[in-house]
Amino acid sequence: MAYHVPVLLPESVEALDLKPGGTYMDVTFGGGGHSEYIINKLTGGARLYSFDQDTDAEKQAQRITDPAFTFVKANFRYLKKYLRLYGVKEVDGILADLGVSSHQFNVPERGFSTRFDGPLDMRMDPEAALSAQEVLTTYSEEDLHRIFGMYGEVKNARTLARQIVQARGVQAIETIADFKKVIGSLIPRGKENKYLAQVFQALRIEVNDELKALEEMLEQTVEVLKPGGRLVVISYHSLEDRLVKNFIAKGKFFGEVEKDLFGNELKPLESVIRKPIIPSEKELQENNRSRSARLRVARKL
């Protein structure tokens, strides 16, 4: 089984507009598919810095021996700090693929997938303190309602939160099987997979603080990109895509774009493509996980 099939691979790398001698970042190394593809296209002393906080990703990175490549074991929310450590002030392009790697879904012990039984983990960084089990056993009913409603867009989020809080007073919720049993009566018939995917997405976003990390990373891209440099982002659900789209269009995540005294828009990026790029029919047939992918490309003004 492939470790991970990279999504929108040629499209995303082409969008980076690689230049000889340029400096590039892949802030989501994962299985390394995008990074390897980029390295094979680098010329004239160009360099690639790839970030990932996952220990499995770090092991995958050891396969790449090209001197143009540097692996950084860190969450992309710290990209500016780590680039400084390597003496890099500006880069020509940044790629972020916000998906969970197939490998993480395929390893039952990681707890990302509803297909297996395993621990309720879901940590992208296995050394992080907060796990999905911790969320389910310690969060208040109000907080559970908030995360399932906001991050999973789960229709019966309030009832789901109440059911979890009542059940955990009677029995321990330690495994995915325990959890599914607790919420079984609330899962709509015929929509089991979709419902569980939304519930697991909400837990995963909370455990890894994904949306806040994404906001912090996007804000830093403006500081480290050279004028004319490219930002390329692949997102997989509407919450991420909305943040990316707003940031490219307005330079902020909420509200209207700011203007100067003369009414000129103050925004650091401009969109390079009018509509997001989506996977081709061929890619959808070969990799079902790519179905919700949206690729957006921006250029620093």
Protein backbone atom coordinates (compact mmCIF):
# COMPACT_ATOMS: atom_id res chain seq x y z
CA MET A 1 0.00 0.00 0.00
CA ALA A 2 1.36 3.42 -0.94
CA TYR A 3 2.34 5.54 2.06
CA HIS A 4 0.39 8.47 0.63
CA VAL A 5 -0.87 9.47 -2.81
CA PRO A 6 -0.21 13.21 -3.25
CA VAL A 7 -3.24 15.19 -4.46
CA LEU A 8 -3.16 17.65 -7.41
CA LEU A 9 0.56 16.96 -7.71
CA PRO A 10 1.57 18.45 -11.10
CA GLU A 11 -0.99 21.26 -10.76
CA SER A 12 0.25 22.40 -7.34
CA VAL A 13 3.95 22.29 -8.25
CA GLU A 14 3.34 24.08 -11.55
CA ALA A 15 1.46 26.78 -9.57
CA LEU A 16 4.63 27.39 -7.49
CA ASP A 17 6.27 28.69 -10.69
CA LEU A 18 9.73 27.29 -9.77
CA LYS A 19 12.70 29.51 -10.68
CA PRO A 20 16.40 28.57 -10.94
CA GLY A 21 18.17 29.30 -7.66
CA GLY A 22 14.88 29.93 -5.81
CA THR A 23 14.02 28.99 -2.22
CA TYR A 24 10.84 27.01 -1.65
CA MET A 25 8.86 25.54 1.22
CA ASP A 26 6.57 22.53 1.46
CA VAL A 27 5.03 23.17 4.87
CA THR A 28 3.18 19.81 4.94
CA PHE A 29 5.71 17.09 4.06
CA GLY A 30 3.44 14.11 4.92
CA GLY A 31 4.53 11.20 2.73
CA GLY A 32 6.91 13.44 0.80
CA GLY A 33 5.20 13.16 -2.60
CA HIS A 34 5.04 16.89 -3.28
CA SER A 35 8.55 17.48 -1.90
CA GLU A 36 10.12 14.76 -4.09
CA TYR A 37 8.35 16.13 -7.15
CA ILE A 38 9.60 19.66 -6.38
CA ILE A 39 13.19 18.49 -5.78
CA ASN A 40 13.27 16.76 -9.17
CA LYS A 41 12.41 20.09 -10.80
CA LEU A 42 14.78 22.38 -8.87
CA THR A 43 17.64 23.90 -10.87
CA GLY A 44 20.48 26.39 -10.45
CA GLY A 45 21.13 25.82 -6.75
CA ALA A 46 17.46 26.14 -5.70
CA ARG A 47 16.54 24.87 -2.22
CA LEU A 48 13.55 23.24 -0.54
CA TYR A 49 12.64 23.34 3.16
CA SER A 50 9.91 20.89 4.18
CA PHE A 51 8.04 21.01 7.49
CA ASP A 52 6.14 18.32 9.37
CA GLN A 53 5.54 17.67 13.07
CA ASP A 54 4.81 13.95 12.53
CA THR A 55 7.46 11.38 13.52
CA ASP A 56 6.38 9.05 10.66
CA ALA A 57 6.87 11.91 8.19
CA GLU A 58 10.35 12.51 9.63
CA LYS A 59 11.21 8.85 8.88
CA GLN A 60 9.90 9.22 5.31
CA ALA A 61 12.07 12.31 4.84
CA GLN A 62 15.23 10.29 5.49
CA ARG A 63 14.77 8.71 2.04
CA ILE A 64 15.54 12.05 0.39
CA THR A 65 19.30 12.51 0.21
CA ASP A 66 19.43 15.46 -2.21
CA PRO A 67 21.58 18.25 -0.65
CA ALA A 68 19.01 20.82 -1.86
CA PHE A 69 16.52 19.39 0.67
CA THR A 70 16.16 20.22 4.37
CA PHE A 71 13.55 18.59 6.61
CA VAL A 72 12.29 20.64 9.57
CA LYS A 73 10.42 18.73 12.30
CA ALA A 74 7.94 21.41 13.34
CA ASN A 75 4.35 22.53 12.99
CA PHE A 76 3.94 24.97 10.10
CA ARG A 77 2.61 27.61 12.53
CA TYR A 78 6.29 28.19 13.46
CA LEU A 79 7.57 28.56 9.91
CA LYS A 80 9.12 32.02 10.31
CA LYS A 81 10.99 31.08 13.48
CA TYR A 82 12.49 27.93 11.90
CA LEU A 83 13.40 29.63 8.63
CA ARG A 84 15.35 32.16 10.72
CA LEU A 85 17.24 29.33 12.39
CA TYR A 86 18.37 28.25 8.91
CA GLY A 87 19.29 31.83 7.99
CA VAL A 88 16.45 32.17 5.46
CA LYS A 89 14.70 35.56 5.34
CA GLU A 90 12.60 35.26 2.19
CA VAL A 91 11.29 32.48 -0.03
CA ASP A 92 9.97 32.33 -3.61
CA GLY A 93 7.12 29.92 -3.00
CA ILE A 94 5.18 28.08 -0.29
CA LEU A 95 3.09 24.94 -0.76
CA ALA A 96 0.62 23.68 1.86
CA ASP A 97 -1.46 20.51 1.41
CA LEU A 98 -3.84 20.58 4.37
CA GLY A 99 -5.00 16.95 4.08
CA VAL A 100 -4.31 14.14 6.52
CA SER A 101 -1.93 11.66 4.86
CA SER A 102 -3.30 8.28 3.74
CA HIS A 103 -0.68 6.70 6.01
CA GLN A 104 -2.18 8.37 9.08
CA PHE A 105 -5.62 7.10 8.08
CA ASN A 106 -4.30 3.59 7.42
CA VAL A 107 -2.55 3.07 10.77
CA PRO A 108 -5.19 2.01 13.33
CA GLU A 109 -2.99 3.06 16.31
CA ARG A 110 -3.15 6.71 15.19
CA GLY A 111 -6.93 6.77 15.67
CA PHE A 112 -7.69 8.97 12.64
CA SER A 113 -9.92 6.52 10.81
CA THR A 114 -13.45 5.33 11.55
CA ARG A 115 -12.68 2.09 9.66
CA PHE A 116 -10.63 0.47 12.42
CA ASP A 117 -10.80 0.05 16.13
CA GLY A 118 -7.92 1.69 17.93
CA PRO A 119 -7.13 4.28 20.58
CA LEU A 120 -8.89 7.66 20.41
CA ASP A 121 -5.68 9.49 19.59
CA MET A 122 -5.69 11.71 16.43
CA ARG A 123 -2.56 13.68 17.33
CA MET A 124 -0.54 14.83 14.31
CA ASP A 125 2.34 15.34 16.71
CA PRO A 126 2.50 12.13 18.76
CA GLU A 127 4.26 14.05 21.55
CA ALA A 128 1.44 16.59 21.97
CA ALA A 129 -0.53 16.48 25.23
CA LEU A 130 -4.12 16.61 23.96
CA SER A 131 -5.68 13.47 22.42
CA ALA A 132 -9.22 12.79 21.19
CA GLN A 133 -9.84 10.64 24.26
CA GLU A 134 -8.89 13.57 26.50
CA VAL A 135 -11.36 15.80 24.63
CA LEU A 136 -14.19 13.27 24.95
CA THR A 137 -13.60 12.54 28.63
CA THR A 138 -12.80 16.01 30.01
CA TYR A 139 -14.55 18.65 27.85
CA SER A 140 -17.80 20.16 29.13
CA GLU A 141 -21.05 19.47 27.28
CA GLU A 142 -20.98 23.09 26.08
CA ASP A 143 -17.47 22.75 24.62
CA LEU A 144 -18.28 19.44 22.94
CA HIS A 145 -21.40 21.03 21.42
CA ARG A 146 -19.25 23.90 20.11
CA ILE A 147 -16.59 21.74 18.45
CA PHE A 148 -19.05 19.29 16.83
CA GLY A 149 -21.20 22.16 15.58
CA MET A 150 -18.38 24.43 14.40
CA TYR A 151 -15.71 22.03 13.19
CA GLY A 152 -17.83 19.09 12.08
CA GLU A 153 -20.98 20.97 11.07
CA VAL A 154 -22.80 18.05 12.75
CA LYS A 155 -26.59 18.60 12.63
CA ASN A 156 -27.39 17.10 16.06
CA ALA A 157 -24.28 18.48 17.79
CA ARG A 158 -26.09 19.41 21.00
CA THR A 159 -27.68 15.96 21.46
CA LEU A 160 -24.36 14.30 20.58
CA ALA A 161 -22.53 16.32 23.25
CA ARG A 162 -25.17 15.47 25.87
CA GLN A 163 -25.04 11.74 25.01
CA ILE A 164 -21.24 11.65 25.39
CA VAL A 165 -21.31 13.41 28.77
CA GLN A 166 -24.04 11.09 30.09
CA ALA A 167 -22.32 7.94 28.81
CA ARG A 168 -18.87 8.77 30.18
CA GLY A 169 -20.32 8.98 33.69
CA VAL A 170 -21.25 5.31 33.40
CA GLN A 171 -18.46 3.78 31.29
CA ALA A 172 -14.95 4.63 30.11
CA ILE A 173 -14.63 5.80 26.48
CA GLU A 174 -11.16 4.58 25.53
CA THR A 175 -11.34 3.18 22.01
CA ILE A 176 -12.98 4.03 18.69
CA ALA A 177 -15.31 1.04 19.21
CA ASP A 178 -16.34 2.38 22.65
CA PHE A 179 -17.05 5.76 21.15
CA LYS A 180 -19.07 4.41 18.20
CA LYS A 181 -21.16 2.36 20.64
CA VAL A 182 -21.89 5.43 22.77
CA ILE A 183 -23.10 7.51 19.81
CA GLY A 184 -24.59 4.65 17.74
CA SER A 185 -28.23 5.62 18.32
CA LEU A 186 -27.60 9.16 16.98
CA ILE A 187 -26.01 8.14 13.67
CA PRO A 188 -28.48 8.70 10.77
CA ARG A 189 -29.31 5.49 8.86
CA GLY A 190 -27.73 5.32 5.44
CA LYS A 191 -25.42 8.25 6.24
CA GLU A 192 -23.16 6.46 8.72
CA ASN A 193 -19.87 7.16 6.94
CA LYS A 194 -20.60 10.84 6.34
CA TYR A 195 -21.74 11.41 9.93
CA LEU A 196 -18.74 9.65 11.49
CA ALA A 197 -16.40 11.52 9.14
CA GLN A 198 -17.85 14.86 10.36
CA VAL A 199 -17.57 13.83 14.03
CA PHE A 200 -13.98 12.62 13.58
CA GLN A 201 -13.07 15.75 11.60
CA ALA A 202 -14.31 17.92 14.48
CA LEU A 203 -12.25 15.98 17.03
CA ARG A 204 -9.14 16.04 14.83
CA ILE A 205 -9.37 19.82 14.28
CA GLU A 206 -9.73 20.40 18.03
CA VAL A 207 -6.93 18.01 19.04
CA ASN A 208 -4.47 19.59 16.59
CA ASP A 209 -5.74 23.20 16.84
CA GLU A 210 -5.81 23.04 13.04
CA LEU A 211 -7.70 26.22 12.15
CA LYS A 212 -5.71 28.48 14.49
CA ALA A 213 -2.46 26.92 13.23
CA LEU A 214 -3.60 27.53 9.64
CA GLU A 215 -4.36 31.20 10.38
CA GLU A 216 -0.96 31.69 12.01
CA MET A 217 0.81 30.00 9.10
CA LEU A 218 -1.02 32.06 6.47
CA GLU A 219 -0.21 35.34 8.26
CA GLN A 220 3.48 34.43 8.29
CA THR A 221 3.55 33.55 4.57
CA VAL A 222 3.08 37.24 3.79
CA GLU A 223 6.14 38.10 5.88
CA VAL A 224 8.44 35.48 4.33
CA LEU A 225 7.35 35.53 0.67
CA LYS A 226 9.33 37.72 -1.71
CA PRO A 227 7.31 40.17 -3.83
CA GLY A 228 5.94 38.07 -6.70
CA GLY A 229 6.37 34.89 -4.63
CA ARG A 230 3.64 32.25 -4.78
CA LEU A 231 1.41 30.77 -2.10
CA VAL A 232 -0.23 27.47 -3.12
CA VAL A 233 -2.76 25.85 -0.76
CA ILE A 234 -4.79 22.64 -1.12
CA SER A 235 -7.71 22.44 1.31
CA TYR A 236 -10.26 19.67 1.87
CA HIS A 237 -13.21 21.13 3.74
CA SER A 238 -15.13 24.39 3.68
CA LEU A 239 -13.75 25.68 7.01
CA GLU A 240 -10.14 25.60 5.77
CA ASP A 241 -11.02 26.74 2.27
CA ARG A 242 -12.96 29.77 3.59
CA LEU A 243 -9.95 30.91 5.65
CA VAL A 244 -7.60 30.51 2.67
CA LYS A 245 -10.00 32.22 0.25
CA ASN A 246 -10.63 35.18 2.59
CA PHE A 247 -6.96 35.62 3.37
CA ILE A 248 -6.04 35.72 -0.32
CA ALA A 249 -8.92 38.08 -1.17
CA LYS A 250 -8.69 40.45 1.81
CA GLY A 251 -5.47 39.81 3.74
CA LYS A 252 -7.61 38.83 6.73
CA PHE A 253 -9.95 36.02 7.76
CA PHE A 254 -13.11 37.93 8.64
CA GLY A 255 -14.66 41.28 7.77
CA GLU A 256 -13.98 43.57 4.85
CA VAL A 257 -10.67 44.41 3.22
CA GLU A 258 -8.97 47.46 4.77
CA LYS A 259 -8.31 50.58 2.67
CA ASP A 260 -5.89 53.49 2.87
CA LEU A 261 -6.89 57.19 2.97
CA PHE A 262 -7.29 57.23 -0.82
CA GLY A 263 -9.58 54.19 -0.90
CA ASN A 264 -6.91 51.80 -2.22
CA GLU A 265 -7.26 48.25 -0.90
CA LEU A 266 -4.55 47.23 1.55
CA LYS A 267 -4.01 43.58 0.86
CA PRO A 268 -0.76 41.67 0.58
CA LEU A 269 -1.79 38.98 -1.91
CA GLU A 270 -3.70 38.65 -5.15
CA SER A 271 -5.30 35.52 -6.55
CA VAL A 272 -3.54 34.06 -9.60
CA ILE A 273 -6.53 31.95 -10.69
CA ARG A 274 -10.18 32.98 -10.73
CA LYS A 275 -11.62 29.71 -9.44
CA PRO A 276 -9.98 26.97 -7.36
CA ILE A 277 -8.46 24.06 -9.30
CA ILE A 278 -10.13 20.72 -8.57
CA PRO A 279 -8.92 17.17 -9.35
CA SER A 280 -9.47 15.77 -12.84
CA GLU A 281 -11.85 12.86 -13.50
CA LYS A 282 -8.80 10.62 -13.89
CA GLU A 283 -7.39 11.62 -10.50
CA LEU A 284 -10.77 11.14 -8.82
CA GLN A 285 -10.94 7.59 -10.19
CA GLU A 286 -7.40 6.79 -9.07
CA ASN A 287 -7.59 8.47 -5.65
CA ASN A 288 -11.03 8.78 -4.06
CA ARG A 289 -9.55 10.84 -1.18
CA SER A 290 -8.92 13.73 -3.56
CA ARG A 291 -12.66 14.32 -4.14
CA SER A 292 -13.01 17.36 -1.86
CA ALA A 293 -9.65 18.99 -2.71
CA ARG A 294 -9.54 22.67 -3.72
CA LEU A 295 -6.32 24.31 -4.90
CA ARG A 296 -5.92 28.09 -4.54
CA VAL A 297 -2.94 30.10 -5.79
CA ALA A 298 -1.89 33.60 -4.77
CA ARG A 299 0.99 35.94 -5.56
CA LYS A 300 2.51 38.42 -3.15
CA LEU A 301 2.01 41.98 -4.35
